[in-house]
Amino acid sequence: MPARSSRPDAPTTGIGMVGYAFMGAAHSRAWATVAQAFDVPLRPRMAVLAGRDGAATRAAAHRFGWRHYETDWHALIARDDVQLVDICTPGDTHAEIAIAALAAGKHVLCEKPLANTLAEAEAMAAAAARAASHGVRAMVGFNYRRVPAIALARRLITDGRIGTLRHVRAAYLQDWLTDVEVPLTWRLQAERAGSGALGDIGAHAVDLAQYLSGAHLTGVSGLTATFTTERPVAGGGSDAGLGPVDVDDAAAFTGRLPSGAVAVFEATRVAAGRKNALSIELNGELGSLAFDLERLNELSFYDRTEPESTAGFRRILVTEPSHPYLEAWWPPGHVLGWEHTFVHQARDLLTDIAAGDDPEPSFADGLQVQRVLDAVASSAAHNSAWTKIQAP
């Protein structure tokens, strides 16, 4: 890593994080790393971690480097050493925690999807708008915006390199539920997760499509499917039996952008052999861009204005210091990983808070994604009927 450090006189901001599992681990590493990699205007202090299980929370706090721990998120919000609340819990708790934190004057980072329901997302966006008038900031954690190749794609599109957009294709394919013996967890229960593949990973595909295109979907037609309707109860032993799965295993939908461009989406957690295959391609009148998360450091670019004798998709290795976020890392060709997206997310949030700017993606952006998810679910429940999406 280049010899960089945050300015010595930079003020600190206390981070309080709720949740310590998969996302909690990723966020913890980001908070611990961001001031080592970037010259951030605020130095994060990992003040307190909250979780319901006292022993497990204490162990996680020690492992990840949090100074204190709490077993009640209300107590975390009330602490004077916490200025920013990072929410890494299941979706059914997002609204209550975020709204309370914002009302207490704490900045908020909330994992995606913003909420489990459209009503909750609307309440969260309204709370964020009220808080912003008092200088309190809120961001939703769509971390894939912070992949350098995705940020470069956004720059190229904004610069007009692919011209008027005509098609968007986005897919997020995983296979961890292919085995019918995988136990029932909170991600398979609508009460906790809201939806299945649609909200869990489809939300990322929707956000990237809208972020890269610079436009919101106006309508969708979708369908969903649940292939395994019962699974072994997690942690219940051999006699626990089966519990019902009431979320989707897969979702597919089409959409349209205000310009008339068409979009196609897939989200599934039962695509055997696909571990974390998020891909997106955008086709315009002047060229195309394509990205695959399983080749995270690469962006494919086709320039239709080149002579046809030499034209073709070119592979851009996105590791140059001039590429987004790369000035803080390694020499060209030394690739980054998935975990770096959370470091970049922390950098951007701290920078925006210090500058008094509204972070992106905002809770309003998260609400817009929630509107799309809600419209897809409604369409699927009504024989794939075309469903309009409420404008912001």
Protein backbone atom coordinates (compact mmCIF):
# COMPACT_ATOMS: atom_id res chain seq x y z
CA MET A 1 0.00 0.00 0.00
CA PRO A 2 1.34 3.50 -0.80
CA ALA A 3 2.59 5.51 2.18
CA ARG A 4 -0.60 7.46 2.88
CA SER A 5 -2.40 8.30 6.06
CA SER A 6 -5.22 10.53 7.15
CA ARG A 7 -4.11 14.00 8.16
CA PRO A 8 -2.94 13.86 11.79
CA ASP A 9 -5.24 16.65 12.89
CA ALA A 10 -8.37 15.14 11.29
CA PRO A 11 -11.25 14.94 13.76
CA THR A 12 -12.59 11.52 14.67
CA THR A 13 -16.13 10.22 14.32
CA GLY A 14 -17.39 7.38 16.47
CA ILE A 15 -18.91 4.43 14.63
CA GLY A 16 -21.56 2.26 16.23
CA MET A 17 -22.47 -0.86 14.27
CA VAL A 18 -25.54 -3.05 14.75
CA GLY A 19 -25.00 -6.63 13.56
CA TYR A 20 -21.80 -8.65 13.36
CA ALA A 21 -22.36 -11.53 10.90
CA PHE A 22 -21.49 -11.57 7.17
CA MET A 23 -22.06 -7.89 6.45
CA GLY A 24 -20.85 -6.87 9.89
CA ALA A 25 -17.50 -8.52 9.21
CA ALA A 26 -17.16 -6.77 5.84
CA HIS A 27 -18.05 -3.37 7.30
CA SER A 28 -15.75 -3.85 10.28
CA ARG A 29 -12.76 -4.48 8.02
CA ALA A 30 -13.66 -1.37 6.02
CA TRP A 31 -13.80 0.89 9.07
CA ALA A 32 -10.49 -0.52 10.28
CA THR A 33 -8.81 0.03 6.90
CA VAL A 34 -10.21 3.20 5.33
CA ALA A 35 -7.96 5.72 7.14
CA GLN A 36 -4.90 3.61 6.31
CA ALA A 37 -5.66 3.68 2.59
CA PHE A 38 -7.22 7.10 2.03
CA ASP A 39 -6.58 10.60 3.32
CA VAL A 40 -10.06 10.86 4.81
CA PRO A 41 -11.17 14.13 6.45
CA LEU A 42 -12.72 12.23 9.38
CA ARG A 43 -10.97 9.36 11.12
CA PRO A 44 -13.43 6.59 12.06
CA ARG A 45 -13.23 5.32 15.63
CA MET A 46 -14.76 1.86 16.02
CA ALA A 47 -16.59 2.71 19.22
CA VAL A 48 -19.22 0.07 19.84
CA LEU A 49 -20.77 -3.07 18.33
CA ALA A 50 -24.33 -4.18 19.15
CA GLY A 51 -25.91 -7.62 18.94
CA ARG A 52 -28.56 -9.56 20.84
CA ASP A 53 -26.29 -12.39 22.02
CA GLY A 54 -23.95 -10.92 24.63
CA ALA A 55 -21.23 -13.56 24.46
CA ALA A 56 -21.21 -13.66 20.66
CA THR A 57 -21.23 -9.87 20.38
CA ARG A 58 -18.37 -9.56 22.85
CA ALA A 59 -16.34 -12.12 20.90
CA ALA A 60 -17.06 -10.35 17.59
CA ALA A 61 -16.12 -6.97 19.06
CA HIS A 62 -12.78 -8.37 20.21
CA ARG A 63 -12.16 -10.08 16.89
CA PHE A 64 -12.93 -7.08 14.71
CA GLY A 65 -11.46 -4.34 16.90
CA TRP A 66 -14.53 -2.64 18.41
CA ARG A 67 -13.82 -0.91 21.73
CA HIS A 68 -17.13 -1.70 23.44
CA TYR A 69 -20.23 -3.79 22.90
CA GLU A 70 -23.94 -3.53 23.69
CA THR A 71 -26.81 -6.03 23.58
CA ASP A 72 -29.44 -3.37 22.84
CA TRP A 73 -29.24 -1.12 19.78
CA HIS A 74 -31.17 1.58 21.67
CA ALA A 75 -28.23 1.81 24.08
CA LEU A 76 -25.82 2.10 21.15
CA ILE A 77 -27.74 5.04 19.68
CA ALA A 78 -27.85 6.77 23.07
CA ARG A 79 -24.06 6.69 23.53
CA ASP A 80 -22.14 9.96 23.29
CA ASP A 81 -19.19 8.23 21.61
CA VAL A 82 -21.31 7.25 18.58
CA GLN A 83 -21.85 9.78 15.80
CA LEU A 84 -22.56 7.35 12.94
CA VAL A 85 -24.75 4.24 13.12
CA ASP A 86 -23.96 1.41 10.68
CA ILE A 87 -26.89 -1.01 10.24
CA CYS A 88 -25.91 -4.55 9.21
CA THR A 89 -28.99 -6.42 10.43
CA PRO A 90 -31.80 -8.31 8.63
CA GLY A 91 -34.22 -6.10 6.76
CA ASP A 92 -37.06 -6.28 9.27
CA THR A 93 -35.09 -4.07 11.69
CA HIS A 94 -33.73 -1.48 9.25
CA ALA A 95 -36.57 1.04 9.49
CA GLU A 96 -36.84 1.13 13.28
CA ILE A 97 -33.10 1.45 13.88
CA ALA A 98 -32.45 3.98 11.09
CA ILE A 99 -35.35 6.26 11.96
CA ALA A 100 -34.39 6.26 15.65
CA ALA A 101 -30.73 6.96 14.86
CA LEU A 102 -31.56 9.84 12.52
CA ALA A 103 -33.95 11.34 15.07
CA ALA A 104 -31.11 11.21 17.60
CA GLY A 105 -28.88 13.21 15.25
CA LYS A 106 -26.68 10.29 14.20
CA HIS A 107 -25.50 9.79 10.64
CA VAL A 108 -26.62 6.44 9.21
CA LEU A 109 -25.24 3.82 6.83
CA CYS A 110 -27.85 1.12 6.18
CA GLU A 111 -27.31 -2.09 4.26
CA LYS A 112 -29.45 -2.83 1.24
CA PRO A 113 -32.23 -3.35 0.47
CA LEU A 114 -33.29 -0.27 2.37
CA ALA A 115 -36.31 -1.99 3.94
CA ASN A 116 -38.63 -4.98 3.65
CA THR A 117 -41.64 -3.01 2.47
CA LEU A 118 -42.35 0.07 0.41
CA ALA A 119 -44.04 1.77 3.36
CA GLU A 120 -40.96 1.26 5.55
CA ALA A 121 -38.68 2.60 2.82
CA GLU A 122 -40.88 5.68 2.40
CA ALA A 123 -40.73 6.34 6.14
CA MET A 124 -36.94 5.95 6.13
CA ALA A 125 -36.50 8.32 3.18
CA ALA A 126 -38.75 10.89 4.87
CA ALA A 127 -36.72 10.59 8.10
CA ALA A 128 -33.49 11.06 6.14
CA ALA A 129 -34.88 14.17 4.44
CA ARG A 130 -35.84 15.67 7.81
CA ALA A 131 -32.43 14.84 9.27
CA ALA A 132 -30.60 16.33 6.28
CA SER A 133 -32.08 19.73 7.10
CA HIS A 134 -30.13 19.51 10.37
CA GLY A 135 -26.88 18.36 8.78
CA VAL A 136 -27.39 14.65 9.48
CA ARG A 137 -26.54 12.35 6.53
CA ALA A 138 -27.80 8.93 5.44
CA MET A 139 -26.52 6.44 2.87
CA VAL A 140 -27.78 3.04 1.71
CA GLY A 141 -25.07 0.41 1.17
CA PHE A 142 -25.12 -0.54 -2.50
CA ASN A 143 -21.42 -1.35 -2.40
CA TYR A 144 -21.08 -2.45 -6.03
CA ARG A 145 -21.19 1.19 -7.11
CA ARG A 146 -17.73 1.32 -5.53
CA VAL A 147 -16.15 -1.34 -7.75
CA PRO A 148 -13.56 0.69 -9.71
CA ALA A 149 -14.65 -0.88 -13.01
CA ILE A 150 -18.28 0.08 -12.34
CA ALA A 151 -17.25 3.63 -11.42
CA LEU A 152 -15.23 3.79 -14.65
CA ALA A 153 -18.23 2.55 -16.64
CA ARG A 154 -20.33 5.32 -15.12
CA ARG A 155 -17.68 7.87 -16.14
CA LEU A 156 -17.58 6.58 -19.73
CA ILE A 157 -21.38 6.63 -20.02
CA THR A 158 -21.57 10.15 -18.58
CA ASP A 159 -18.92 11.23 -21.10
CA GLY A 160 -21.14 9.94 -23.91
CA ARG A 161 -18.85 7.11 -25.00
CA ILE A 162 -21.70 4.68 -25.76
CA GLY A 163 -24.17 7.32 -26.94
CA THR A 164 -27.92 7.00 -26.52
CA LEU A 165 -28.73 3.94 -24.41
CA ARG A 166 -30.87 1.23 -26.00
CA HIS A 167 -30.53 -1.92 -23.88
CA VAL A 168 -29.62 -2.87 -20.31
CA ARG A 169 -29.12 -6.48 -19.25
CA ALA A 170 -28.43 -7.30 -15.61
CA ALA A 171 -28.23 -10.65 -13.85
CA TYR A 172 -27.21 -11.75 -10.39
CA LEU A 173 -26.79 -15.52 -10.15
CA GLN A 174 -25.85 -17.57 -7.07
CA ASP A 175 -26.15 -21.27 -6.25
CA TRP A 176 -26.10 -21.57 -2.46
CA LEU A 177 -29.74 -22.73 -2.30
CA THR A 178 -29.46 -25.35 -5.05
CA ASP A 179 -29.12 -28.11 -2.42
CA VAL A 180 -32.57 -28.82 -0.93
CA GLU A 181 -30.90 -29.75 2.38
CA VAL A 182 -29.63 -26.22 2.99
CA PRO A 183 -31.38 -25.26 6.26
CA LEU A 184 -34.04 -22.63 6.74
CA THR A 185 -32.50 -19.29 7.73
CA TRP A 186 -33.85 -15.76 8.11
CA ARG A 187 -33.06 -15.05 4.44
CA LEU A 188 -35.78 -17.57 3.51
CA GLN A 189 -38.50 -16.03 5.67
CA ALA A 190 -40.55 -13.13 4.35
CA GLU A 191 -41.12 -11.73 7.84
CA ARG A 192 -37.36 -11.22 8.30
CA ALA A 193 -36.07 -10.75 4.74
CA GLY A 194 -39.03 -9.24 2.89
CA SER A 195 -38.33 -11.24 -0.25
CA GLY A 196 -35.84 -13.81 -1.52
CA ALA A 197 -33.52 -13.46 -4.48
CA LEU A 198 -35.51 -10.46 -5.67
CA GLY A 199 -34.58 -8.23 -2.73
CA ASP A 200 -31.39 -9.91 -1.59
CA ILE A 201 -29.47 -9.75 -4.86
CA GLY A 202 -31.93 -8.39 -7.42
CA ALA A 203 -31.76 -5.07 -5.58
CA HIS A 204 -28.11 -4.77 -6.58
CA ALA A 205 -28.93 -5.40 -10.25
CA VAL A 206 -31.67 -2.76 -10.19
CA ASP A 207 -29.47 -0.19 -8.46
CA LEU A 208 -26.60 -0.70 -10.92
CA ALA A 209 -28.92 -0.44 -13.92
CA GLN A 210 -30.35 2.86 -12.66
CA TYR A 211 -26.98 4.19 -11.49
CA LEU A 212 -25.17 3.45 -14.75
CA SER A 213 -28.00 4.58 -17.01
CA GLY A 214 -28.65 7.69 -14.94
CA ALA A 215 -32.40 7.02 -15.16
CA HIS A 216 -35.17 5.33 -13.19
CA LEU A 217 -37.23 2.43 -14.45
CA THR A 218 -40.77 3.49 -15.32
CA GLY A 219 -42.44 0.07 -15.40
CA VAL A 220 -41.83 -3.66 -15.14
CA SER A 221 -43.30 -7.04 -15.94
CA GLY A 222 -42.05 -9.86 -13.73
CA LEU A 223 -42.39 -13.36 -12.40
CA THR A 224 -40.99 -15.20 -9.41
CA ALA A 225 -40.59 -18.85 -8.46
CA THR A 226 -39.96 -20.88 -5.31
CA PHE A 227 -38.58 -24.31 -6.16
CA THR A 228 -38.01 -25.65 -2.64
CA THR A 229 -40.99 -24.80 -0.45
CA GLU A 230 -39.74 -26.47 2.75
CA ARG A 231 -36.29 -26.75 4.31
CA PRO A 232 -34.77 -28.25 7.47
CA VAL A 233 -35.14 -25.97 10.47
CA ALA A 234 -31.73 -24.43 11.21
CA GLY A 235 -30.12 -25.55 14.45
CA GLY A 236 -33.04 -27.79 15.31
CA GLY A 237 -31.30 -31.15 15.08
CA SER A 238 -32.52 -34.22 13.23
CA ASP A 239 -35.94 -34.16 14.92
CA ALA A 240 -36.75 -30.52 14.17
CA GLY A 241 -38.45 -31.28 10.88
CA LEU A 242 -39.09 -28.90 8.03
CA GLY A 243 -40.16 -25.27 7.96
CA PRO A 244 -41.90 -23.35 5.17
CA VAL A 245 -39.98 -21.17 2.70
CA ASP A 246 -42.16 -18.17 1.84
CA VAL A 247 -39.81 -16.13 -0.34
CA ASP A 248 -38.75 -16.52 -3.97
CA ASP A 249 -35.79 -18.60 -5.12
CA ALA A 250 -35.66 -16.75 -8.43
CA ALA A 251 -37.08 -13.68 -10.15
CA ALA A 252 -37.02 -12.49 -13.74
CA PHE A 253 -38.43 -9.26 -15.12
CA THR A 254 -38.32 -6.79 -17.97
CA GLY A 255 -38.42 -3.04 -17.63
CA ARG A 256 -38.34 0.21 -19.53
CA LEU A 257 -36.46 3.48 -19.00
CA PRO A 258 -37.91 6.95 -19.71
CA SER A 259 -35.89 7.20 -22.95
CA GLY A 260 -37.56 4.06 -24.27
CA ALA A 261 -34.53 1.87 -23.61
CA VAL A 262 -35.41 -1.66 -22.55
CA ALA A 263 -33.99 -3.59 -19.60
CA VAL A 264 -33.91 -7.28 -18.69
CA PHE A 265 -33.14 -8.65 -15.21
CA GLU A 266 -32.54 -12.02 -13.59
CA ALA A 267 -31.95 -12.84 -9.92
CA THR A 268 -31.58 -16.37 -8.61
CA ARG A 269 -29.96 -18.27 -5.75
CA VAL A 270 -30.35 -21.67 -7.43
CA ALA A 271 -28.10 -21.35 -10.52
CA ALA A 272 -25.77 -24.32 -10.02
CA GLY A 273 -22.13 -23.36 -10.48
CA ARG A 274 -22.71 -19.60 -10.25
CA LYS A 275 -21.16 -18.47 -6.98
CA ASN A 276 -21.55 -14.70 -7.10
CA ALA A 277 -22.12 -13.86 -10.74
CA LEU A 278 -23.32 -10.28 -10.98
CA SER A 279 -23.14 -9.07 -14.55
CA ILE A 280 -24.41 -6.02 -16.39
CA GLU A 281 -24.20 -4.92 -20.01
CA LEU A 282 -25.31 -1.64 -21.52
CA ASN A 283 -25.71 -1.18 -25.28
CA GLY A 284 -25.86 2.27 -26.86
CA GLU A 285 -25.82 3.69 -30.36
CA LEU A 286 -22.04 4.30 -30.18
CA GLY A 287 -20.87 1.29 -28.21
CA SER A 288 -21.30 -1.14 -25.34
CA LEU A 289 -19.97 -1.74 -21.85
CA ALA A 290 -20.00 -5.05 -19.98
CA PHE A 291 -18.98 -6.05 -16.46
CA ASP A 292 -18.84 -9.37 -14.60
CA LEU A 293 -18.22 -9.38 -10.85
CA GLU A 294 -16.35 -12.68 -11.10
CA ARG A 295 -13.78 -10.68 -13.12
CA LEU A 296 -14.01 -7.70 -10.81
CA ASN A 297 -10.96 -5.79 -12.07
CA GLU A 298 -12.00 -5.83 -15.73
CA LEU A 299 -14.37 -3.78 -17.86
CA SER A 300 -15.24 -4.69 -21.46
CA PHE A 301 -15.73 -1.78 -23.85
CA TYR A 302 -16.80 -1.80 -27.48
CA ASP A 303 -16.43 1.42 -29.49
CA ARG A 304 -18.61 1.26 -32.60
CA THR A 305 -16.95 4.38 -34.06
CA GLU A 306 -13.70 2.47 -34.69
CA PRO A 307 -13.05 0.96 -38.15
CA GLU A 308 -14.79 -2.40 -38.43
CA SER A 309 -11.54 -4.02 -39.52
CA THR A 310 -10.10 -3.54 -36.01
CA ALA A 311 -13.21 -2.99 -33.88
CA GLY A 312 -14.05 -5.42 -31.10
CA PHE A 313 -14.62 -5.62 -27.38
CA ARG A 314 -11.48 -4.51 -25.56
CA ARG A 315 -10.50 -5.63 -22.06
CA ILE A 316 -9.68 -2.75 -19.76
CA LEU A 317 -7.74 -3.82 -16.69
CA VAL A 318 -9.02 -1.31 -14.17
CA THR A 319 -5.93 -0.98 -11.96
CA GLU A 320 -4.37 2.30 -13.13
CA PRO A 321 -3.91 5.20 -10.68
CA SER A 322 -6.14 7.31 -12.96
CA HIS A 323 -9.04 4.87 -12.49
CA PRO A 324 -11.59 5.53 -9.71
CA TYR A 325 -10.33 4.74 -6.19
CA LEU A 326 -7.06 3.23 -7.44
CA GLU A 327 -4.85 6.12 -6.35
CA ALA A 328 -4.87 4.68 -2.82
CA TRP A 329 -3.90 1.11 -3.57
CA TRP A 330 -1.24 -0.86 -5.43
CA PRO A 331 0.86 -0.45 -8.59
CA PRO A 332 -0.93 -1.12 -11.92
CA GLY A 333 -1.90 -4.74 -12.44
CA HIS A 334 -2.08 -5.54 -8.73
CA VAL A 335 -5.78 -6.33 -8.49
CA LEU A 336 -8.32 -5.51 -5.79
CA GLY A 337 -11.03 -7.69 -4.25
CA TRP A 338 -14.66 -7.60 -3.18
CA GLU A 339 -13.84 -6.31 0.30
CA HIS A 340 -12.33 -3.10 -1.12
CA THR A 341 -15.79 -1.91 -2.20
CA PHE A 342 -16.70 -1.42 1.47
CA VAL A 343 -13.52 0.57 2.09
CA HIS A 344 -14.42 2.83 -0.83
CA GLN A 345 -17.95 3.15 0.52
CA ALA A 346 -16.62 4.24 3.93
CA ARG A 347 -14.25 6.73 2.24
CA ASP A 348 -17.07 8.34 0.28
CA LEU A 349 -19.41 8.53 3.26
CA LEU A 350 -16.82 10.12 5.56
CA THR A 351 -15.87 12.60 2.83
CA ASP A 352 -19.50 13.62 2.25
CA ILE A 353 -20.22 14.00 5.96
CA ALA A 354 -17.17 16.24 6.41
CA ALA A 355 -18.16 18.35 3.39
CA GLY A 356 -21.80 18.62 4.41
CA ASP A 357 -22.89 16.87 1.21
CA ASP A 358 -25.68 14.34 0.76
CA PRO A 359 -24.13 10.91 0.15
CA GLU A 360 -25.00 8.67 -2.75
CA PRO A 361 -26.76 6.33 -2.92
CA SER A 362 -29.14 8.18 -0.63
CA PHE A 363 -32.16 6.81 1.18
CA ALA A 364 -34.17 8.33 -1.68
CA ASP A 365 -32.16 6.14 -4.08
CA GLY A 366 -32.86 3.15 -1.85
CA LEU A 367 -36.55 4.02 -1.91
CA GLN A 368 -36.50 4.10 -5.72
CA VAL A 369 -35.04 0.59 -5.80
CA GLN A 370 -37.71 -0.50 -3.31
CA ARG A 371 -40.38 0.86 -5.65
CA VAL A 372 -39.01 -1.34 -8.43
CA LEU A 373 -38.90 -4.42 -6.18
CA ASP A 374 -42.45 -3.75 -5.03
CA ALA A 375 -43.64 -3.36 -8.62
CA VAL A 376 -41.97 -6.63 -9.66
CA ALA A 377 -43.62 -8.49 -6.76
CA SER A 378 -46.98 -6.96 -7.65
CA SER A 379 -46.58 -7.87 -11.31
CA ALA A 380 -45.62 -11.45 -10.44
CA ALA A 381 -48.72 -11.74 -8.24
CA HIS A 382 -50.92 -10.60 -11.15
CA ASN A 383 -49.80 -12.89 -13.99
CA SER A 384 -46.84 -10.69 -14.98
CA ALA A 385 -49.06 -7.69 -15.68
CA TRP A 386 -47.23 -4.54 -16.74
CA THR A 387 -46.85 -2.46 -13.58
CA LYS A 388 -45.96 1.21 -13.55
CA ILE A 389 -43.40 2.51 -11.05
CA GLN A 390 -44.15 5.63 -9.08
CA ALA A 391 -41.96 8.56 -10.09
CA PRO A 392 -39.80 10.14 -7.34
